[in-house]
Amino acid sequence: MIQLKDTTIYRGGSKAQQWYSSHKGCEFKISPKNNSLQFFFSIPSKGGGTTDIKLDVGPRDIATICNKIVESMSDNVRVVPKFVVQE
């Protein structure tokens, strides 16, 4: 798995007025079997202990995210690719 060190996990509730930092860093891996990106992180549970979370991002959403990054952060991107999903 690849460590993401400049990533912060925030938590909040339906009645919370703001987001609270609950954890720094997470891991991700590319899953060719599932054709997805998988993010793994943990947050503290309200009653004590830890809740592990897995976020599975599918191919259409990966393309959408990559294209929005290129559009929004064009000053930081030297080559501007177009990401498409092959059906």
C-alpha atoms as a PDB file:
ATOM      1  CA  MET A   1       0.000   0.000   0.000  1.00  0.00           C
ATOM      2  CA  ILE A   2       1.047   3.568  -0.613  1.00  0.00           C
ATOM      3  CA  GLN A   3       1.210   5.931   2.371  1.00  0.00           C
ATOM      4  CA  LEU A   4      -0.400   9.366   1.980  1.00  0.00           C
ATOM      5  CA  LYS A   5       1.289  11.537   4.602  1.00  0.00           C
ATOM      6  CA  ASP A   6      -0.079  14.972   3.702  1.00  0.00           C
ATOM      7  CA  THR A   7      -3.691  13.873   4.164  1.00  0.00           C
ATOM      8  CA  THR A   8      -5.971  14.613   7.094  1.00  0.00           C
ATOM      9  CA  ILE A   9      -9.146  12.716   7.971  1.00  0.00           C
ATOM     10  CA  TYR A  10     -11.933  14.864   9.443  1.00  0.00           C
ATOM     11  CA  ARG A  11     -15.079  13.755  11.197  1.00  0.00           C
ATOM     12  CA  GLY A  12     -18.313  15.521  11.986  1.00  0.00           C
ATOM     13  CA  GLY A  13     -21.876  14.663  12.859  1.00  0.00           C
ATOM     14  CA  SER A  14     -25.261  15.789  11.636  1.00  0.00           C
ATOM     15  CA  LYS A  15     -25.476  18.268  14.534  1.00  0.00           C
ATOM     16  CA  ALA A  16     -21.807  19.284  14.553  1.00  0.00           C
ATOM     17  CA  GLN A  17     -21.081  22.893  13.651  1.00  0.00           C
ATOM     18  CA  GLN A  18     -17.694  22.056  12.129  1.00  0.00           C
ATOM     19  CA  TRP A  19     -15.348  19.288  11.013  1.00  0.00           C
ATOM     20  CA  TYR A  20     -12.825  17.968  13.538  1.00  0.00           C
ATOM     21  CA  SER A  21      -9.433  16.577  12.603  1.00  0.00           C
ATOM     22  CA  SER A  22      -9.371  13.004  13.789  1.00  0.00           C
ATOM     23  CA  HIS A  23      -6.412  11.397  12.040  1.00  0.00           C
ATOM     24  CA  LYS A  24      -3.409  12.327   9.913  1.00  0.00           C
ATOM     25  CA  GLY A  25      -2.482  10.174   6.918  1.00  0.00           C
ATOM     26  CA  CYS A  26      -4.033   7.199   5.191  1.00  0.00           C
ATOM     27  CA  GLU A  27      -3.087   4.436   2.785  1.00  0.00           C
ATOM     28  CA  PHE A  28      -4.286   3.577  -0.682  1.00  0.00           C
ATOM     29  CA  LYS A  29      -3.787   0.870  -3.220  1.00  0.00           C
ATOM     30  CA  ILE A  30      -4.733   0.282  -6.801  1.00  0.00           C
ATOM     31  CA  SER A  31      -6.906  -2.806  -7.153  1.00  0.00           C
ATOM     32  CA  PRO A  32      -6.778  -4.177 -10.711  1.00  0.00           C
ATOM     33  CA  LYS A  33      -9.067  -7.025  -9.606  1.00  0.00           C
ATOM     34  CA  ASN A  34     -11.833  -4.559  -8.631  1.00  0.00           C
ATOM     35  CA  ASN A  35     -10.759  -1.938 -11.203  1.00  0.00           C
ATOM     36  CA  SER A  36     -10.690   0.651  -8.434  1.00  0.00           C
ATOM     37  CA  LEU A  37      -8.657   2.798  -6.071  1.00  0.00           C
ATOM     38  CA  GLN A  38      -9.010   1.786  -2.451  1.00  0.00           C
ATOM     39  CA  PHE A  39      -8.346   4.185   0.432  1.00  0.00           C
ATOM     40  CA  PHE A  40      -7.939   2.866   3.973  1.00  0.00           C
ATOM     41  CA  PHE A  41      -8.000   4.906   7.165  1.00  0.00           C
ATOM     42  CA  SER A  42      -9.083   4.736  10.784  1.00  0.00           C
ATOM     43  CA  ILE A  43     -10.888   7.191  13.028  1.00  0.00           C
ATOM     44  CA  PRO A  44     -11.515   7.105  16.758  1.00  0.00           C
ATOM     45  CA  SER A  45     -14.905   5.662  17.728  1.00  0.00           C
ATOM     46  CA  LYS A  46     -17.232   7.728  19.900  1.00  0.00           C
ATOM     47  CA  GLY A  47     -17.368   5.050  22.603  1.00  0.00           C
ATOM     48  CA  GLY A  48     -13.636   4.347  22.502  1.00  0.00           C
ATOM     49  CA  GLY A  49     -11.663   2.146  20.175  1.00  0.00           C
ATOM     50  CA  THR A  50     -11.132   2.605  16.467  1.00  0.00           C
ATOM     51  CA  THR A  51     -13.331   2.447  13.367  1.00  0.00           C
ATOM     52  CA  ASP A  52     -11.580   1.253  10.205  1.00  0.00           C
ATOM     53  CA  ILE A  53     -12.891   2.678   6.935  1.00  0.00           C
ATOM     54  CA  LYS A  54     -12.349   1.604   3.334  1.00  0.00           C
ATOM     55  CA  LEU A  55     -13.307   3.900   0.452  1.00  0.00           C
ATOM     56  CA  ASP A  56     -13.541   2.111  -2.905  1.00  0.00           C
ATOM     57  CA  VAL A  57     -13.481   4.508  -5.912  1.00  0.00           C
ATOM     58  CA  GLY A  58     -14.643   2.993  -9.216  1.00  0.00           C
ATOM     59  CA  PRO A  59     -13.289   3.711 -12.715  1.00  0.00           C
ATOM     60  CA  ARG A  60     -15.836   6.344 -13.789  1.00  0.00           C
ATOM     61  CA  ASP A  61     -15.295   8.277 -10.580  1.00  0.00           C
ATOM     62  CA  ILE A  62     -11.506   7.986 -10.947  1.00  0.00           C
ATOM     63  CA  ALA A  63     -11.745   9.596 -14.395  1.00  0.00           C
ATOM     64  CA  THR A  64     -14.056  12.329 -13.057  1.00  0.00           C
ATOM     65  CA  ILE A  65     -11.720  13.091 -10.144  1.00  0.00           C
ATOM     66  CA  CYS A  66      -8.614  13.187 -12.377  1.00  0.00           C
ATOM     67  CA  ASN A  67     -10.280  15.489 -14.917  1.00  0.00           C
ATOM     68  CA  LYS A  68     -11.490  17.868 -12.183  1.00  0.00           C
ATOM     69  CA  ILE A  69      -7.980  17.977 -10.691  1.00  0.00           C
ATOM     70  CA  VAL A  70      -6.544  18.910 -14.093  1.00  0.00           C
ATOM     71  CA  GLU A  71      -9.237  21.593 -14.606  1.00  0.00           C
ATOM     72  CA  SER A  72      -8.963  23.061 -11.113  1.00  0.00           C
ATOM     73  CA  MET A  73      -5.207  22.883 -10.641  1.00  0.00           C
ATOM     74  CA  SER A  74      -4.024  23.639 -14.167  1.00  0.00           C
ATOM     75  CA  ASP A  75      -1.180  25.833 -12.850  1.00  0.00           C
ATOM     76  CA  ASN A  76       0.311  22.750 -11.190  1.00  0.00           C
ATOM     77  CA  VAL A  77      -0.124  20.375 -14.142  1.00  0.00           C
ATOM     78  CA  ARG A  78       2.461  20.426 -16.935  1.00  0.00           C
ATOM     79  CA  VAL A  79       0.781  17.904 -19.220  1.00  0.00           C
ATOM     80  CA  VAL A  80      -2.978  18.060 -19.501  1.00  0.00           C
ATOM     81  CA  PRO A  81      -4.333  14.583 -20.173  1.00  0.00           C
ATOM     82  CA  LYS A  82      -7.977  13.695 -20.711  1.00  0.00           C
ATOM     83  CA  PHE A  83      -9.072  10.713 -18.643  1.00  0.00           C
ATOM     84  CA  VAL A  84     -11.770   8.499 -20.101  1.00  0.00           C
ATOM     85  CA  VAL A  85     -13.232   5.151 -19.075  1.00  0.00           C
ATOM     86  CA  GLN A  86     -13.179   2.432 -21.686  1.00  0.00           C
ATOM     87  CA  GLU A  87     -16.517   0.615 -21.667  1.00  0.00           C
END
